[in-house]
Amino acid sequence: MKIKNYVGDLKAKSAVELNQELVAAKKELFNLRFQNATNQLDNTSRIKEVRKNIARIQTIIAEKARVAE
């Protein structure tokens, strides 16, 4: 249920907001990988979660681009 709410929120955002969300998610993924490499990361499953969120954001961006054509 939590994922459906997240995807619904993403679909309600504009393309600019989605791009900002994508940049923020990529920065978070970089930081998580850095923490993992230095053995400072406690919750390693967060990396997988952020990667999937990035894919969700990119999918919605592509859907909006396809509709705009």
N, C-alpha and C. Protein backbone atom coordinates (compact mmCIF):
# COMPACT_ATOMS: atom_id res chain seq x y z
N MET A 1 0.83 -1.20 0.00
CA MET A 1 0.00 0.00 0.00
C MET A 1 0.87 1.25 0.00
N LYS A 2 1.98 1.20 0.70
CA LYS A 2 2.87 2.34 0.78
C LYS A 2 3.43 2.71 -0.59
N ILE A 3 3.74 1.70 -1.39
CA ILE A 3 4.30 1.95 -2.72
C ILE A 3 3.27 2.59 -3.63
N LYS A 4 2.02 2.14 -3.54
CA LYS A 4 0.96 2.73 -4.38
C LYS A 4 0.78 4.20 -4.07
N ASN A 5 0.87 4.56 -2.79
CA ASN A 5 0.76 5.97 -2.41
C ASN A 5 1.93 6.77 -2.98
N TYR A 6 3.13 6.20 -2.92
CA TYR A 6 4.32 6.88 -3.42
C TYR A 6 4.21 7.10 -4.93
N VAL A 7 3.76 6.08 -5.65
CA VAL A 7 3.62 6.20 -7.11
C VAL A 7 2.52 7.20 -7.44
N GLY A 8 1.45 7.21 -6.68
CA GLY A 8 0.38 8.18 -6.90
C GLY A 8 0.86 9.60 -6.70
N ASP A 9 1.69 9.80 -5.68
CA ASP A 9 2.26 11.13 -5.44
C ASP A 9 3.18 11.53 -6.59
N LEU A 10 3.95 10.58 -7.11
CA LEU A 10 4.84 10.89 -8.23
C LEU A 10 4.06 11.27 -9.47
N LYS A 11 2.96 10.57 -9.73
CA LYS A 11 2.16 10.86 -10.93
C LYS A 11 1.52 12.23 -10.86
N ALA A 12 1.31 12.74 -9.65
CA ALA A 12 0.69 14.05 -9.49
C ALA A 12 1.69 15.19 -9.68
N LYS A 13 2.97 14.88 -9.69
CA LYS A 13 4.00 15.93 -9.81
C LYS A 13 4.25 16.28 -11.27
N SER A 14 4.80 17.48 -11.45
CA SER A 14 5.15 17.93 -12.80
C SER A 14 6.50 17.35 -13.20
N ALA A 15 6.87 17.55 -14.46
CA ALA A 15 8.13 17.01 -14.97
C ALA A 15 9.33 17.62 -14.24
N VAL A 16 9.25 18.90 -13.93
CA VAL A 16 10.35 19.57 -13.23
C VAL A 16 10.51 19.00 -11.83
N GLU A 17 9.40 18.80 -11.14
CA GLU A 17 9.44 18.23 -9.79
C GLU A 17 9.97 16.80 -9.82
N LEU A 18 9.60 16.05 -10.85
CA LEU A 18 10.10 14.68 -10.98
C LEU A 18 11.61 14.65 -11.21
N ASN A 19 12.10 15.59 -12.01
CA ASN A 19 13.55 15.66 -12.23
C ASN A 19 14.28 16.02 -10.95
N GLN A 20 13.71 16.92 -10.15
CA GLN A 20 14.32 17.27 -8.87
C GLN A 20 14.33 16.06 -7.93
N GLU A 21 13.24 15.32 -7.93
CA GLU A 21 13.13 14.12 -7.10
C GLU A 21 14.16 13.08 -7.55
N LEU A 22 14.36 12.96 -8.86
CA LEU A 22 15.33 12.01 -9.40
C LEU A 22 16.75 12.38 -8.97
N VAL A 23 17.08 13.64 -9.06
CA VAL A 23 18.42 14.09 -8.65
C VAL A 23 18.64 13.82 -7.16
N ALA A 24 17.63 14.10 -6.35
CA ALA A 24 17.75 13.87 -4.91
C ALA A 24 17.93 12.38 -4.61
N ALA A 25 17.20 11.53 -5.33
CA ALA A 25 17.31 10.09 -5.11
C ALA A 25 18.68 9.57 -5.52
N LYS A 26 19.21 10.10 -6.61
CA LYS A 26 20.54 9.68 -7.06
C LYS A 26 21.62 10.12 -6.07
N LYS A 27 21.46 11.31 -5.50
CA LYS A 27 22.41 11.77 -4.48
C LYS A 27 22.34 10.87 -3.24
N GLU A 28 21.11 10.51 -2.86
CA GLU A 28 20.94 9.63 -1.70
C GLU A 28 21.59 8.27 -1.97
N LEU A 29 21.41 7.74 -3.18
CA LEU A 29 22.01 6.46 -3.53
C LEU A 29 23.54 6.54 -3.47
N PHE A 30 24.10 7.63 -3.96
CA PHE A 30 25.55 7.81 -3.90
C PHE A 30 26.02 7.82 -2.45
N ASN A 31 25.32 8.56 -1.61
CA ASN A 31 25.72 8.62 -0.19
C ASN A 31 25.59 7.26 0.49
N LEU A 32 24.53 6.52 0.16
CA LEU A 32 24.35 5.19 0.75
C LEU A 32 25.47 4.25 0.32
N ARG A 33 25.84 4.31 -0.95
CA ARG A 33 26.94 3.46 -1.44
C ARG A 33 28.25 3.84 -0.76
N PHE A 34 28.46 5.11 -0.58
CA PHE A 34 29.68 5.58 0.08
C PHE A 34 29.72 5.07 1.52
N GLN A 35 28.60 5.18 2.23
CA GLN A 35 28.53 4.70 3.61
C GLN A 35 28.73 3.19 3.66
N ASN A 36 28.19 2.48 2.68
CA ASN A 36 28.34 1.03 2.65
C ASN A 36 29.81 0.64 2.44
N ALA A 37 30.49 1.38 1.59
CA ALA A 37 31.90 1.09 1.31
C ALA A 37 32.78 1.33 2.53
N THR A 38 32.38 2.27 3.38
CA THR A 38 33.18 2.59 4.56
C THR A 38 32.63 1.89 5.81
N ASN A 39 31.72 0.93 5.61
CA ASN A 39 31.14 0.14 6.71
C ASN A 39 30.42 1.00 7.75
N GLN A 40 29.78 2.07 7.30
CA GLN A 40 29.02 2.93 8.21
C GLN A 40 27.51 2.74 8.02
N LEU A 41 27.11 1.94 7.04
CA LEU A 41 25.70 1.78 6.73
C LEU A 41 25.11 0.63 7.54
N ASP A 42 24.05 0.92 8.30
CA ASP A 42 23.40 -0.10 9.11
C ASP A 42 22.33 -0.84 8.32
N ASN A 43 21.51 -0.11 7.59
CA ASN A 43 20.39 -0.69 6.86
C ASN A 43 20.74 -0.80 5.38
N THR A 44 21.32 -1.93 4.98
CA THR A 44 21.76 -2.08 3.59
C THR A 44 20.58 -2.26 2.63
N SER A 45 19.42 -2.63 3.13
CA SER A 45 18.26 -2.79 2.25
C SER A 45 17.78 -1.45 1.70
N ARG A 46 18.20 -0.37 2.31
CA ARG A 46 17.83 0.97 1.84
C ARG A 46 18.38 1.23 0.44
N ILE A 47 19.54 0.65 0.12
CA ILE A 47 20.13 0.83 -1.21
C ILE A 47 19.18 0.27 -2.28
N LYS A 48 18.67 -0.92 -2.05
CA LYS A 48 17.75 -1.55 -2.99
C LYS A 48 16.47 -0.74 -3.13
N GLU A 49 15.98 -0.23 -2.02
CA GLU A 49 14.76 0.56 -2.02
C GLU A 49 14.93 1.84 -2.84
N VAL A 50 16.06 2.52 -2.66
CA VAL A 50 16.31 3.77 -3.39
C VAL A 50 16.48 3.49 -4.88
N ARG A 51 17.15 2.38 -5.22
CA ARG A 51 17.30 2.03 -6.63
C ARG A 51 15.96 1.80 -7.29
N LYS A 52 15.06 1.13 -6.60
CA LYS A 52 13.72 0.90 -7.15
C LYS A 52 12.94 2.21 -7.27
N ASN A 53 13.11 3.11 -6.31
CA ASN A 53 12.44 4.41 -6.39
C ASN A 53 12.95 5.20 -7.58
N ILE A 54 14.25 5.12 -7.85
CA ILE A 54 14.81 5.81 -9.02
C ILE A 54 14.17 5.25 -10.29
N ALA A 55 14.04 3.94 -10.37
CA ALA A 55 13.41 3.31 -11.54
C ALA A 55 11.95 3.75 -11.67
N ARG A 56 11.25 3.85 -10.54
CA ARG A 56 9.84 4.30 -10.59
C ARG A 56 9.75 5.73 -11.13
N ILE A 57 10.63 6.59 -10.64
CA ILE A 57 10.63 7.98 -11.09
C ILE A 57 10.91 8.06 -12.58
N GLN A 58 11.92 7.31 -13.04
CA GLN A 58 12.27 7.34 -14.45
C GLN A 58 11.14 6.79 -15.32
N THR A 59 10.43 5.80 -14.83
CA THR A 59 9.30 5.24 -15.57
C THR A 59 8.20 6.27 -15.74
N ILE A 60 7.90 7.00 -14.68
CA ILE A 60 6.83 8.00 -14.75
C ILE A 60 7.24 9.16 -15.65
N ILE A 61 8.53 9.54 -15.61
CA ILE A 61 9.02 10.58 -16.52
C ILE A 61 8.84 10.14 -17.96
N ALA A 62 9.17 8.88 -18.26
CA ALA A 62 9.02 8.36 -19.62
C ALA A 62 7.55 8.30 -20.04
N GLU A 63 6.67 7.92 -19.11
CA GLU A 63 5.23 7.89 -19.42
C GLU A 63 4.72 9.27 -19.74
N LYS A 64 5.14 10.27 -18.97
CA LYS A 64 4.68 11.64 -19.22
C LYS A 64 5.22 12.15 -20.55
N ALA A 65 6.44 11.79 -20.88
CA ALA A 65 7.02 12.21 -22.17
C ALA A 65 6.28 11.56 -23.32
N ARG A 66 5.89 10.30 -23.17
CA ARG A 66 5.18 9.59 -24.22
C ARG A 66 3.79 10.19 -24.43
N VAL A 67 3.14 10.58 -23.34
CA VAL A 67 1.81 11.18 -23.45
C VAL A 67 1.89 12.57 -24.09
N ALA A 68 2.97 13.29 -23.83
CA ALA A 68 3.12 14.64 -24.34
C ALA A 68 3.33 14.65 -25.85
N GLU A 69 3.78 13.56 -26.42
CA GLU A 69 4.04 13.53 -27.87
C GLU A 69 2.78 13.47 -28.69
